[in-house]
Amino acid sequence: QVHLVESGGGLVQAGGSLRLSCAASGSNFRLRAMGWSRQAPGKQRELVAIVTNDDGPKYADSVKGRFTISRDNAKNTVYLQMNSLEPEDTAVYYCTASPAGISVTYWGQGTQVIVSS
């Protein structure tokens, strides 16, 4: 079992920045991938960014050039630096983690990001 705790959401004006953090805890796991997804009101959940042990970071087209995902393996923590935020980025952001060797993805409880115009 992997437990994820997110932080860093909030209210920001368009053009501003926020940094989300997500710490993973549990026992006897090695994480293959960590990432962020989001769900805006009335829309489907979408992948925002992901980083794996084998590949470099990958981003949704809508956030390329504005968001940066990074990972601290020693701390089992993943970050999402969000710059040049737009009202369309308003959503609940969820951290995800996938342990190595099993086809399971764990989700955090979500953190709200609101971008005002």
Protein backbone atom coordinates (compact mmCIF):
# COMPACT_ATOMS: atom_id res chain seq x y z
CA GLN A 1 0.00 0.00 0.00
CA VAL A 2 1.27 3.47 -0.94
CA HIS A 3 -0.07 6.59 0.74
CA LEU A 4 0.18 9.91 -1.08
CA VAL A 5 -0.11 13.34 0.50
CA GLU A 6 -0.33 16.41 -1.72
CA SER A 7 0.21 20.05 -0.81
CA GLY A 8 0.66 23.42 -2.47
CA GLY A 9 -2.68 24.12 -4.09
CA GLY A 10 -4.49 27.40 -3.71
CA LEU A 11 -5.82 30.51 -5.40
CA VAL A 12 -3.63 32.46 -7.81
CA GLN A 13 -4.15 35.11 -10.44
CA ALA A 14 -3.66 34.35 -14.10
CA GLY A 15 0.01 34.54 -15.00
CA GLY A 16 1.06 33.48 -11.54
CA SER A 17 2.82 30.37 -10.30
CA LEU A 18 2.23 27.53 -7.86
CA ARG A 19 4.28 24.54 -6.83
CA LEU A 20 2.59 21.30 -5.90
CA SER A 21 4.30 18.63 -3.82
CA CYS A 22 3.41 15.01 -3.22
CA ALA A 23 5.10 12.70 -0.75
CA ALA A 24 4.68 8.94 -0.98
CA SER A 25 4.92 6.68 2.04
CA GLY A 26 4.37 3.03 2.77
CA SER A 27 6.41 -0.08 3.18
CA ASN A 28 8.42 -2.24 0.85
CA PHE A 29 7.87 -0.38 -2.37
CA ARG A 30 9.92 1.09 -5.17
CA LEU A 31 8.09 3.50 -7.39
CA ARG A 32 8.27 3.03 -11.14
CA ALA A 33 6.43 6.23 -11.97
CA MET A 34 5.00 9.32 -10.32
CA GLY A 35 2.84 11.94 -11.91
CA TRP A 36 0.03 14.44 -11.75
CA SER A 37 -3.46 14.37 -13.20
CA ARG A 38 -6.24 16.91 -12.91
CA GLN A 39 -9.99 17.14 -13.16
CA ALA A 40 -11.79 20.36 -13.91
CA PRO A 41 -15.49 20.82 -13.14
CA GLY A 42 -17.60 19.03 -15.72
CA LYS A 43 -14.60 17.52 -17.47
CA GLN A 44 -12.88 14.17 -17.51
CA ARG A 45 -9.75 13.58 -15.52
CA GLU A 46 -6.62 14.11 -17.63
CA LEU A 47 -2.94 13.33 -17.27
CA VAL A 48 -0.90 16.49 -16.79
CA ALA A 49 2.65 15.20 -16.37
CA ILE A 50 4.47 12.00 -15.51
CA VAL A 51 8.01 10.89 -14.86
CA THR A 52 9.16 7.26 -14.88
CA ASN A 53 12.33 5.39 -14.04
CA ASP A 54 12.95 4.67 -17.73
CA ASP A 55 11.84 7.78 -19.61
CA GLY A 56 12.11 11.50 -19.30
CA PRO A 57 9.20 13.67 -18.21
CA LYS A 58 6.11 13.72 -20.39
CA TYR A 59 3.51 16.46 -20.47
CA ALA A 60 0.05 17.13 -21.77
CA ASP A 61 0.19 19.46 -24.75
CA SER A 62 -1.83 22.05 -22.85
CA VAL A 63 0.90 22.52 -20.21
CA LYS A 64 4.11 22.06 -22.20
CA GLY A 65 6.47 24.96 -21.67
CA ARG A 66 4.60 26.12 -18.57
CA PHE A 67 4.70 23.19 -16.13
CA THR A 68 7.72 21.24 -14.95
CA ILE A 69 7.59 17.91 -13.14
CA SER A 70 10.49 16.78 -11.00
CA ARG A 71 11.11 13.91 -8.67
CA ASP A 72 13.27 13.33 -5.60
CA ASN A 73 13.72 9.57 -5.45
CA ALA A 74 15.45 9.69 -2.08
CA LYS A 75 12.37 11.33 -0.57
CA ASN A 76 9.77 9.54 -2.74
CA THR A 77 8.44 12.97 -3.58
CA VAL A 78 7.24 14.47 -6.83
CA TYR A 79 6.78 18.15 -7.58
CA LEU A 80 4.86 20.10 -10.18
CA GLN A 81 6.04 23.64 -10.82
CA MET A 82 3.26 25.51 -12.58
CA ASN A 83 4.09 28.83 -14.23
CA SER A 84 2.08 31.18 -16.42
CA LEU A 85 -1.11 29.76 -14.98
CA GLU A 86 -4.32 30.25 -16.92
CA PRO A 87 -7.95 30.10 -15.78
CA GLU A 88 -8.22 26.88 -17.81
CA ASP A 89 -5.76 25.28 -15.37
CA THR A 90 -8.36 25.49 -12.60
CA ALA A 91 -8.93 21.94 -11.39
CA VAL A 92 -8.36 19.46 -8.61
CA TYR A 93 -4.85 18.11 -9.06
CA TYR A 94 -4.13 14.52 -8.09
CA CYS A 95 -0.79 12.92 -7.45
CA THR A 96 -0.30 9.39 -8.79
CA ALA A 97 2.26 6.72 -8.03
CA SER A 98 2.86 3.34 -9.63
CA PRO A 99 5.04 0.80 -7.82
CA ALA A 100 7.47 -1.32 -9.79
CA GLY A 101 6.40 -4.85 -10.60
CA ILE A 102 2.64 -4.49 -10.17
CA SER A 103 -0.06 -2.93 -12.32
CA VAL A 104 -1.52 -0.63 -9.71
CA THR A 105 -1.74 3.15 -9.60
CA TYR A 106 -2.28 4.89 -6.31
CA TRP A 107 -3.99 8.28 -6.11
CA GLY A 108 -3.73 11.10 -3.64
CA GLN A 109 -6.73 12.90 -2.19
CA GLY A 110 -6.33 15.87 -4.52
CA THR A 111 -5.47 19.51 -4.04
CA GLN A 112 -7.52 22.38 -5.46
CA VAL A 113 -5.96 24.91 -7.81
CA ILE A 114 -7.99 27.97 -8.75
CA VAL A 115 -6.69 30.47 -11.27
CA SER A 116 -8.60 33.75 -11.40
CA SER A 117 -8.71 35.91 -14.50
